[in-house]
Amino acid sequence: MGEPVKPLGSRVLVEILDEQSVTASGLVIPETAKEKQQKGIIVAIGDDEDLIKVKVGEKVLFPKYSGTELRLDNQDFLIIDATELLAVLGRE
């Protein structure tokens, strides 16, 4: 990331994961037909440790229409309140 982004309060910065462009059977899905991805990786957290229950590097699931999207270095990110996150993926 060229310009560092530090979320404030209970917000987190999530790198939105790219969706597969090809189905298992080999069909290519065009950009216009793709739905917005709802999975991402936490890349930065705010300073409210009481409300933030995730760590940098964890894969998370977030609601479809939430947060503020931004694009840095041709990569999509989302700034979202940590209380809006739905789940941590892969954590036991």
PDB file of N, CA and C in Angstrom:
ATOM      1  N   MET A   1       0.837  -1.163   0.000  1.00  0.00           N
ATOM      2  CA  MET A   1       0.000   0.000   0.000  1.00  0.00           C
ATOM      3  C   MET A   1       0.889   1.235   0.000  1.00  0.00           C
ATOM      4  N   GLY A   2       0.696   2.114  -0.956  1.00  0.00           N
ATOM      5  CA  GLY A   2       1.526   3.284  -1.065  1.00  0.00           C
ATOM      6  C   GLY A   2       1.346   4.254   0.093  1.00  0.00           C
ATOM      7  N   GLU A   3       0.126   4.681   0.340  1.00  0.00           N
ATOM      8  CA  GLU A   3      -0.174   5.625   1.410  1.00  0.00           C
ATOM      9  C   GLU A   3      -0.769   4.861   2.589  1.00  0.00           C
ATOM     10  N   PRO A   4      -0.136   4.906   3.758  1.00  0.00           N
ATOM     11  CA  PRO A   4      -0.665   4.144   4.884  1.00  0.00           C
ATOM     12  C   PRO A   4      -2.016   4.696   5.351  1.00  0.00           C
ATOM     13  N   VAL A   5      -2.913   3.789   5.701  1.00  0.00           N
ATOM     14  CA  VAL A   5      -4.230   4.163   6.190  1.00  0.00           C
ATOM     15  C   VAL A   5      -4.371   3.581   7.583  1.00  0.00           C
ATOM     16  N   LYS A   6      -4.667   4.426   8.563  1.00  0.00           N
ATOM     17  CA  LYS A   6      -4.848   3.997   9.946  1.00  0.00           C
ATOM     18  C   LYS A   6      -6.288   4.282  10.339  1.00  0.00           C
ATOM     19  N   PRO A   7      -7.118   3.236  10.497  1.00  0.00           N
ATOM     20  CA  PRO A   7      -8.503   3.450  10.904  1.00  0.00           C
ATOM     21  C   PRO A   7      -8.564   4.075  12.307  1.00  0.00           C
ATOM     22  N   LEU A   8      -9.613   4.831  12.566  1.00  0.00           N
ATOM     23  CA  LEU A   8      -9.797   5.468  13.858  1.00  0.00           C
ATOM     24  C   LEU A   8     -10.869   4.744  14.669  1.00  0.00           C
ATOM     25  N   GLY A   9     -10.764   4.795  15.987  1.00  0.00           N
ATOM     26  CA  GLY A   9     -11.770   4.224  16.878  1.00  0.00           C
ATOM     27  C   GLY A   9     -11.899   2.728  16.711  1.00  0.00           C
ATOM     28  N   SER A  10     -13.132   2.285  16.526  1.00  0.00           N
ATOM     29  CA  SER A  10     -13.401   0.845  16.437  1.00  0.00           C
ATOM     30  C   SER A  10     -13.471   0.356  14.992  1.00  0.00           C
ATOM     31  N   ARG A  11     -12.917   1.115  14.063  1.00  0.00           N
ATOM     32  CA  ARG A  11     -12.955   0.707  12.651  1.00  0.00           C
ATOM     33  C   ARG A  11     -11.741  -0.139  12.288  1.00  0.00           C
ATOM     34  N   VAL A  12     -11.928  -0.955  11.243  1.00  0.00           N
ATOM     35  CA  VAL A  12     -10.849  -1.785  10.727  1.00  0.00           C
ATOM     36  C   VAL A  12     -10.747  -1.572   9.220  1.00  0.00           C
ATOM     37  N   LEU A  13      -9.552  -1.781   8.683  1.00  0.00           N
ATOM     38  CA  LEU A  13      -9.318  -1.706   7.244  1.00  0.00           C
ATOM     39  C   LEU A  13      -9.217  -3.128   6.718  1.00  0.00           C
ATOM     40  N   VAL A  14     -10.079  -3.459   5.768  1.00  0.00           N
ATOM     41  CA  VAL A  14     -10.164  -4.815   5.224  1.00  0.00           C
ATOM     42  C   VAL A  14      -9.766  -4.791   3.754  1.00  0.00           C
ATOM     43  N   GLU A  15      -8.839  -5.657   3.372  1.00  0.00           N
ATOM     44  CA  GLU A  15      -8.505  -5.847   1.960  1.00  0.00           C
ATOM     45  C   GLU A  15      -9.516  -6.818   1.387  1.00  0.00           C
ATOM     46  N   ILE A  16     -10.285  -6.378   0.402  1.00  0.00           N
ATOM     47  CA  ILE A  16     -11.326  -7.223  -0.180  1.00  0.00           C
ATOM     48  C   ILE A  16     -10.672  -8.265  -1.069  1.00  0.00           C
ATOM     49  N   LEU A  17     -11.005  -9.530  -0.837  1.00  0.00           N
ATOM     50  CA  LEU A  17     -10.423 -10.624  -1.610  1.00  0.00           C
ATOM     51  C   LEU A  17     -11.064 -10.691  -2.985  1.00  0.00           C
ATOM     52  N   ASP A  18     -10.268 -10.989  -4.007  1.00  0.00           N
ATOM     53  CA  ASP A  18     -10.774 -11.133  -5.366  1.00  0.00           C
ATOM     54  C   ASP A  18     -11.561 -12.421  -5.493  1.00  0.00           C
ATOM     55  N   GLU A  19     -12.660 -12.336  -6.224  1.00  0.00           N
ATOM     56  CA  GLU A  19     -13.495 -13.500  -6.481  1.00  0.00           C
ATOM     57  C   GLU A  19     -12.942 -14.257  -7.676  1.00  0.00           C
ATOM     58  N   GLN A  20     -13.143 -15.564  -7.703  1.00  0.00           N
ATOM     59  CA  GLN A  20     -12.694 -16.362  -8.838  1.00  0.00           C
ATOM     60  C   GLN A  20     -13.397 -15.896 -10.110  1.00  0.00           C
ATOM     61  N   SER A  21     -12.659 -15.764 -11.209  1.00  0.00           N
ATOM     62  CA  SER A  21     -13.218 -15.321 -12.482  1.00  0.00           C
ATOM     63  C   SER A  21     -13.615 -16.480 -13.385  1.00  0.00           C
ATOM     64  N   VAL A  22     -13.280 -17.702 -12.975  1.00  0.00           N
ATOM     65  CA  VAL A  22     -13.584 -18.884 -13.771  1.00  0.00           C
ATOM     66  C   VAL A  22     -14.283 -19.904 -12.871  1.00  0.00           C
ATOM     67  N   THR A  23     -15.376 -20.468 -13.365  1.00  0.00           N
ATOM     68  CA  THR A  23     -16.088 -21.484 -12.592  1.00  0.00           C
ATOM     69  C   THR A  23     -15.332 -22.805 -12.648  1.00  0.00           C
ATOM     70  N   ALA A  24     -15.761 -23.764 -11.849  1.00  0.00           N
ATOM     71  CA  ALA A  24     -15.123 -25.080 -11.818  1.00  0.00           C
ATOM     72  C   ALA A  24     -15.199 -25.775 -13.179  1.00  0.00           C
ATOM     73  N   SER A  25     -16.252 -25.464 -13.939  1.00  0.00           N
ATOM     74  CA  SER A  25     -16.399 -26.091 -15.258  1.00  0.00           C
ATOM     75  C   SER A  25     -15.665 -25.331 -16.357  1.00  0.00           C
ATOM     76  N   GLY A  26     -14.993 -24.202 -16.008  1.00  0.00           N
ATOM     77  CA  GLY A  26     -14.189 -23.482 -16.986  1.00  0.00           C
ATOM     78  C   GLY A  26     -14.856 -22.270 -17.598  1.00  0.00           C
ATOM     79  N   LEU A  27     -16.076 -21.927 -17.169  1.00  0.00           N
ATOM     80  CA  LEU A  27     -16.746 -20.751 -17.710  1.00  0.00           C
ATOM     81  C   LEU A  27     -16.146 -19.491 -17.091  1.00  0.00           C
ATOM     82  N   VAL A  28     -15.886 -18.493 -17.925  1.00  0.00           N
ATOM     83  CA  VAL A  28     -15.331 -17.223 -17.457  1.00  0.00           C
ATOM     84  C   VAL A  28     -16.486 -16.302 -17.066  1.00  0.00           C
ATOM     85  N   ILE A  29     -16.392 -15.729 -15.862  1.00  0.00           N
ATOM     86  CA  ILE A  29     -17.428 -14.827 -15.378  1.00  0.00           C
ATOM     87  C   ILE A  29     -16.975 -13.389 -15.653  1.00  0.00           C
ATOM     88  N   PRO A  30     -17.756 -12.626 -16.433  1.00  0.00           N
ATOM     89  CA  PRO A  30     -17.365 -11.241 -16.714  1.00  0.00           C
ATOM     90  C   PRO A  30     -17.501 -10.361 -15.474  1.00  0.00           C
ATOM     91  N   GLU A  31     -16.749  -9.256 -15.419  1.00  0.00           N
ATOM     92  CA  GLU A  31     -16.766  -8.338 -14.272  1.00  0.00           C
ATOM     93  C   GLU A  31     -18.180  -7.838 -13.975  1.00  0.00           C
ATOM     94  N   THR A  32     -18.975  -7.591 -15.011  1.00  0.00           N
ATOM     95  CA  THR A  32     -20.311  -7.039 -14.815  1.00  0.00           C
ATOM     96  C   THR A  32     -21.265  -8.026 -14.158  1.00  0.00           C
ATOM     97  N   ALA A  33     -20.973  -9.318 -14.216  1.00  0.00           N
ATOM     98  CA  ALA A  33     -21.851 -10.332 -13.641  1.00  0.00           C
ATOM     99  C   ALA A  33     -21.448 -10.736 -12.233  1.00  0.00           C
ATOM    100  N   LYS A  34     -20.305 -10.261 -11.776  1.00  0.00           N
ATOM    101  CA  LYS A  34     -19.821 -10.644 -10.450  1.00  0.00           C
ATOM    102  C   LYS A  34     -20.546  -9.866  -9.360  1.00  0.00           C
ATOM    103  N   GLU A  35     -20.818 -10.546  -8.261  1.00  0.00           N
ATOM    104  CA  GLU A  35     -21.357  -9.870  -7.091  1.00  0.00           C
ATOM    105  C   GLU A  35     -20.203  -9.354  -6.256  1.00  0.00           C
ATOM    106  N   LYS A  36     -20.497  -8.344  -5.447  1.00  0.00           N
ATOM    107  CA  LYS A  36     -19.477  -7.796  -4.566  1.00  0.00           C
ATOM    108  C   LYS A  36     -19.035  -8.870  -3.570  1.00  0.00           C
ATOM    109  N   GLN A  37     -17.725  -9.050  -3.464  1.00  0.00           N
ATOM    110  CA  GLN A  37     -17.168 -10.039  -2.541  1.00  0.00           C
ATOM    111  C   GLN A  37     -17.402  -9.608  -1.096  1.00  0.00           C
ATOM    112  N   GLN A  38     -17.690 -10.554  -0.230  1.00  0.00           N
ATOM    113  CA  GLN A  38     -17.978 -10.257   1.167  1.00  0.00           C
ATOM    114  C   GLN A  38     -16.921 -10.824   2.102  1.00  0.00           C
ATOM    115  N   LYS A  39     -15.779 -11.215   1.559  1.00  0.00           N
ATOM    116  CA  LYS A  39     -14.680 -11.746   2.374  1.00  0.00           C
ATOM    117  C   LYS A  39     -13.471 -10.846   2.200  1.00  0.00           C
ATOM    118  N   GLY A  40     -12.687 -10.747   3.277  1.00  0.00           N
ATOM    119  CA  GLY A  40     -11.493  -9.943   3.193  1.00  0.00           C
ATOM    120  C   GLY A  40     -10.517 -10.284   4.299  1.00  0.00           C
ATOM    121  N   ILE A  41      -9.375  -9.619   4.273  1.00  0.00           N
ATOM    122  CA  ILE A  41      -8.327  -9.833   5.270  1.00  0.00           C
ATOM    123  C   ILE A  41      -8.090  -8.512   5.996  1.00  0.00           C
ATOM    124  N   ILE A  42      -8.040  -8.565   7.305  1.00  0.00           N
ATOM    125  CA  ILE A  42      -7.791  -7.380   8.115  1.00  0.00           C
ATOM    126  C   ILE A  42      -6.348  -6.928   7.887  1.00  0.00           C
ATOM    127  N   VAL A  43      -6.158  -5.665   7.468  1.00  0.00           N
ATOM    128  CA  VAL A  43      -4.808  -5.159   7.237  1.00  0.00           C
ATOM    129  C   VAL A  43      -4.421  -4.064   8.231  1.00  0.00           C
ATOM    130  N   ALA A  44      -5.403  -3.464   8.908  1.00  0.00           N
ATOM    131  CA  ALA A  44      -5.113  -2.458   9.932  1.00  0.00           C
ATOM    132  C   ALA A  44      -6.319  -2.346  10.854  1.00  0.00           C
ATOM    133  N   ILE A  45      -6.063  -2.019  12.110  1.00  0.00           N
ATOM    134  CA  ILE A  45      -7.151  -1.871  13.079  1.00  0.00           C
ATOM    135  C   ILE A  45      -7.034  -0.517  13.766  1.00  0.00           C
ATOM    136  N   GLY A  46      -8.174  -0.018  14.274  1.00  0.00           N
ATOM    137  CA  GLY A  46      -8.206   1.244  15.002  1.00  0.00           C
ATOM    138  C   GLY A  46      -7.636   1.086  16.399  1.00  0.00           C
ATOM    139  N   ASP A  47      -7.813   2.116  17.211  1.00  0.00           N
ATOM    140  CA  ASP A  47      -7.201   2.126  18.534  1.00  0.00           C
ATOM    141  C   ASP A  47      -8.154   1.771  19.675  1.00  0.00           C
ATOM    142  N   ASP A  48      -9.372   1.326  19.384  1.00  0.00           N
ATOM    143  CA  ASP A  48     -10.336   0.948  20.422  1.00  0.00           C
ATOM    144  C   ASP A  48     -10.274  -0.563  20.655  1.00  0.00           C
ATOM    145  N   GLU A  49      -9.326  -0.992  21.488  1.00  0.00           N
ATOM    146  CA  GLU A  49      -9.120  -2.430  21.707  1.00  0.00           C
ATOM    147  C   GLU A  49     -10.277  -3.110  22.427  1.00  0.00           C
ATOM    148  N   ASP A  50     -11.132  -2.339  23.114  1.00  0.00           N
ATOM    149  CA  ASP A  50     -12.274  -2.929  23.815  1.00  0.00           C
ATOM    150  C   ASP A  50     -13.314  -3.474  22.841  1.00  0.00           C
ATOM    151  N   LEU A  51     -13.512  -2.802  21.711  1.00  0.00           N
ATOM    152  CA  LEU A  51     -14.531  -3.231  20.745  1.00  0.00           C
ATOM    153  C   LEU A  51     -13.977  -4.087  19.615  1.00  0.00           C
ATOM    154  N   ILE A  52     -12.692  -3.991  19.335  1.00  0.00           N
ATOM    155  CA  ILE A  52     -12.109  -4.726  18.208  1.00  0.00           C
ATOM    156  C   ILE A  52     -11.664  -6.107  18.683  1.00  0.00           C
ATOM    157  N   LYS A  53     -12.300  -7.141  18.134  1.00  0.00           N
ATOM    158  CA  LYS A  53     -12.012  -8.521  18.535  1.00  0.00           C
ATOM    159  C   LYS A  53     -11.259  -9.297  17.469  1.00  0.00           C
ATOM    160  N   VAL A  54     -10.781  -8.628  16.437  1.00  0.00           N
ATOM    161  CA  VAL A  54     -10.039  -9.289  15.362  1.00  0.00           C
ATOM    162  C   VAL A  54      -8.601  -8.789  15.351  1.00  0.00           C
ATOM    163  N   LYS A  55      -7.741  -9.535  14.671  1.00  0.00           N
ATOM    164  CA  LYS A  55      -6.324  -9.186  14.576  1.00  0.00           C
ATOM    165  C   LYS A  55      -5.941  -9.010  13.116  1.00  0.00           C
ATOM    166  N   VAL A  56      -4.875  -8.262  12.893  1.00  0.00           N
ATOM    167  CA  VAL A  56      -4.348  -8.093  11.538  1.00  0.00           C
ATOM    168  C   VAL A  56      -3.976  -9.468  10.976  1.00  0.00           C
ATOM    169  N   GLY A  57      -4.384  -9.721   9.737  1.00  0.00           N
ATOM    170  CA  GLY A  57      -4.087 -10.989   9.075  1.00  0.00           C
ATOM    171  C   GLY A  57      -5.231 -11.981   9.088  1.00  0.00           C
ATOM    172  N   GLU A  58      -6.258 -11.731   9.902  1.00  0.00           N
ATOM    173  CA  GLU A  58      -7.381 -12.671   9.956  1.00  0.00           C
ATOM    174  C   GLU A  58      -8.323 -12.446   8.778  1.00  0.00           C
ATOM    175  N   LYS A  59      -8.903 -13.548   8.278  1.00  0.00           N
ATOM    176  CA  LYS A  59      -9.874 -13.493   7.194  1.00  0.00           C
ATOM    177  C   LYS A  59     -11.259 -13.326   7.822  1.00  0.00           C
ATOM    178  N   VAL A  60     -12.038 -12.355   7.317  1.00  0.00           N
ATOM    179  CA  VAL A  60     -13.336 -12.043   7.901  1.00  0.00           C
ATOM    180  C   VAL A  60     -14.435 -12.018   6.848  1.00  0.00           C
ATOM    181  N   LEU A  61     -15.656 -12.105   7.336  1.00  0.00           N
ATOM    182  CA  LEU A  61     -16.855 -12.002   6.513  1.00  0.00           C
ATOM    183  C   LEU A  61     -17.583 -10.739   6.955  1.00  0.00           C
ATOM    184  N   PHE A  62     -18.013  -9.916   5.994  1.00  0.00           N
ATOM    185  CA  PHE A  62     -18.703  -8.668   6.331  1.00  0.00           C
ATOM    186  C   PHE A  62     -19.982  -8.546   5.510  1.00  0.00           C
ATOM    187  N   PRO A  63     -20.943  -7.702   5.964  1.00  0.00           N
ATOM    188  CA  PRO A  63     -22.207  -7.537   5.237  1.00  0.00           C
ATOM    189  C   PRO A  63     -21.981  -6.940   3.845  1.00  0.00           C
ATOM    190  N   LYS A  64     -22.896  -7.229   2.937  1.00  0.00           N
ATOM    191  CA  LYS A  64     -22.754  -6.835   1.537  1.00  0.00           C
ATOM    192  C   LYS A  64     -22.704  -5.318   1.343  1.00  0.00           C
ATOM    193  N   TYR A  65     -23.553  -4.571   2.013  1.00  0.00           N
ATOM    194  CA  TYR A  65     -23.633  -3.128   1.789  1.00  0.00           C
ATOM    195  C   TYR A  65     -23.253  -2.376   3.058  1.00  0.00           C
ATOM    196  N   SER A  66     -22.005  -2.441   3.443  1.00  0.00           N
ATOM    197  CA  SER A  66     -21.573  -1.747   4.651  1.00  0.00           C
ATOM    198  C   SER A  66     -20.186  -1.165   4.456  1.00  0.00           C
ATOM    199  N   GLY A  67     -19.831  -0.246   5.321  1.00  0.00           N
ATOM    200  CA  GLY A  67     -18.506   0.341   5.279  1.00  0.00           C
ATOM    201  C   GLY A  67     -18.311   1.327   4.143  1.00  0.00           C
ATOM    202  N   THR A  68     -17.084   1.807   4.027  1.00  0.00           N
ATOM    203  CA  THR A  68     -16.698   2.756   2.993  1.00  0.00           C
ATOM    204  C   THR A  68     -15.605   2.133   2.145  1.00  0.00           C
ATOM    205  N   GLU A  69     -15.865   2.026   0.849  1.00  0.00           N
ATOM    206  CA  GLU A  69     -14.889   1.420  -0.057  1.00  0.00           C
ATOM    207  C   GLU A  69     -13.857   2.447  -0.487  1.00  0.00           C
ATOM    208  N   LEU A  70     -12.609   1.995  -0.639  1.00  0.00           N
ATOM    209  CA  LEU A  70     -11.575   2.827  -1.220  1.00  0.00           C
ATOM    210  C   LEU A  70     -10.636   1.961  -2.027  1.00  0.00           C
ATOM    211  N   ARG A  71      -9.976   2.593  -2.987  1.00  0.00           N
ATOM    212  CA  ARG A  71      -9.062   1.874  -3.880  1.00  0.00           C
ATOM    213  C   ARG A  71      -7.679   2.498  -3.754  1.00  0.00           C
ATOM    214  N   LEU A  72      -6.699   1.682  -3.398  1.00  0.00           N
ATOM    215  CA  LEU A  72      -5.315   2.121  -3.257  1.00  0.00           C
ATOM    216  C   LEU A  72      -4.429   1.149  -4.022  1.00  0.00           C
ATOM    217  N   ASP A  73      -3.554   1.664  -4.865  1.00  0.00           N
ATOM    218  CA  ASP A  73      -2.627   0.826  -5.639  1.00  0.00           C
ATOM    219  C   ASP A  73      -3.340  -0.304  -6.369  1.00  0.00           C
ATOM    220  N   ASN A  74      -4.473   0.004  -7.015  1.00  0.00           N
ATOM    221  CA  ASN A  74      -5.277  -0.965  -7.777  1.00  0.00           C
ATOM    222  C   ASN A  74      -5.787  -2.121  -6.934  1.00  0.00           C
ATOM    223  N   GLN A  75      -5.954  -1.908  -5.647  1.00  0.00           N
ATOM    224  CA  GLN A  75      -6.497  -2.927  -4.746  1.00  0.00           C
ATOM    225  C   GLN A  75      -7.685  -2.316  -4.010  1.00  0.00           C
ATOM    226  N   ASP A  76      -8.759  -3.105  -3.837  1.00  0.00           N
ATOM    227  CA  ASP A  76      -9.951  -2.619  -3.162  1.00  0.00           C
ATOM    228  C   ASP A  76      -9.879  -2.887  -1.663  1.00  0.00           C
ATOM    229  N   PHE A  77     -10.243  -1.853  -0.885  1.00  0.00           N
ATOM    230  CA  PHE A  77     -10.276  -1.945   0.566  1.00  0.00           C
ATOM    231  C   PHE A  77     -11.621  -1.464   1.071  1.00  0.00           C
ATOM    232  N   LEU A  78     -11.901  -1.790   2.314  1.00  0.00           N
ATOM    233  CA  LEU A  78     -13.137  -1.378   2.963  1.00  0.00           C
ATOM    234  C   LEU A  78     -12.802  -0.941   4.375  1.00  0.00           C
ATOM    235  N   ILE A  79     -13.268   0.241   4.762  1.00  0.00           N
ATOM    236  CA  ILE A  79     -13.168   0.664   6.153  1.00  0.00           C
ATOM    237  C   ILE A  79     -14.538   0.425   6.759  1.00  0.00           C
ATOM    238  N   ILE A  80     -14.569  -0.392   7.792  1.00  0.00           N
ATOM    239  CA  ILE A  80     -15.828  -0.813   8.393  1.00  0.00           C
ATOM    240  C   ILE A  80     -15.694  -0.836   9.907  1.00  0.00           C
ATOM    241  N   ASP A  81     -16.786  -0.565  10.592  1.00  0.00           N
ATOM    242  CA  ASP A  81     -16.778  -0.647  12.048  1.00  0.00           C
ATOM    243  C   ASP A  81     -16.625  -2.111  12.444  1.00  0.00           C
ATOM    244  N   ALA A  82     -15.749  -2.388  13.389  1.00  0.00           N
ATOM    245  CA  ALA A  82     -15.464  -3.771  13.789  1.00  0.00           C
ATOM    246  C   ALA A  82     -16.706  -4.483  14.310  1.00  0.00           C
ATOM    247  N   THR A  83     -17.663  -3.741  14.852  1.00  0.00           N
ATOM    248  CA  THR A  83     -18.882  -4.374  15.369  1.00  0.00           C
ATOM    249  C   THR A  83     -19.799  -4.858  14.249  1.00  0.00           C
ATOM    250  N   GLU A  84     -19.564  -4.404  13.005  1.00  0.00           N
ATOM    251  CA  GLU A  84     -20.378  -4.839  11.866  1.00  0.00           C
ATOM    252  C   GLU A  84     -19.864  -6.128  11.239  1.00  0.00           C
ATOM    253  N   LEU A  85     -18.648  -6.549  11.573  1.00  0.00           N
ATOM    254  CA  LEU A  85     -18.111  -7.793  11.011  1.00  0.00           C
ATOM    255  C   LEU A  85     -19.002  -8.956  11.427  1.00  0.00           C
ATOM    256  N   LEU A  86     -19.219  -9.885  10.507  1.00  0.00           N
ATOM    257  CA  LEU A  86     -20.111 -11.010  10.769  1.00  0.00           C
ATOM    258  C   LEU A  86     -19.400 -12.221  11.360  1.00  0.00           C
ATOM    259  N   ALA A  87     -18.184 -12.497  10.902  1.00  0.00           N
ATOM    260  CA  ALA A  87     -17.490 -13.712  11.355  1.00  0.00           C
ATOM    261  C   ALA A  87     -16.017 -13.632  11.005  1.00  0.00           C
ATOM    262  N   VAL A  88     -15.235 -14.404  11.764  1.00  0.00           N
ATOM    263  CA  VAL A  88     -13.830 -14.623  11.436  1.00  0.00           C
ATOM    264  C   VAL A  88     -13.770 -15.996  10.807  1.00  0.00           C
ATOM    265  N   LEU A  89     -13.166 -16.113   9.632  1.00  0.00           N
ATOM    266  CA  LEU A  89     -13.107 -17.384   8.920  1.00  0.00           C
ATOM    267  C   LEU A  89     -11.806 -18.111   9.265  1.00  0.00           C
ATOM    268  N   GLY A  90     -11.907 -19.365   9.592  1.00  0.00           N
ATOM    269  CA  GLY A  90     -10.727 -20.176   9.838  1.00  0.00           C
ATOM    270  C   GLY A  90     -10.218 -20.155  11.267  1.00  0.00           C
ATOM    271  N   ARG A  91     -10.850 -19.387  12.133  1.00  0.00           N
ATOM    272  CA  ARG A  91     -10.426 -19.336  13.530  1.00  0.00           C
ATOM    273  C   ARG A  91     -11.162 -20.435  14.310  1.00  0.00           C
ATOM    274  N   GLU A  92     -10.443 -21.115  15.187  1.00  0.00           N
ATOM    275  CA  GLU A  92     -11.065 -22.193  15.974  1.00  0.00           C
ATOM    276  C   GLU A  92     -11.430 -21.716  17.336  1.00  0.00           C
TER     277      GLU A  92
END
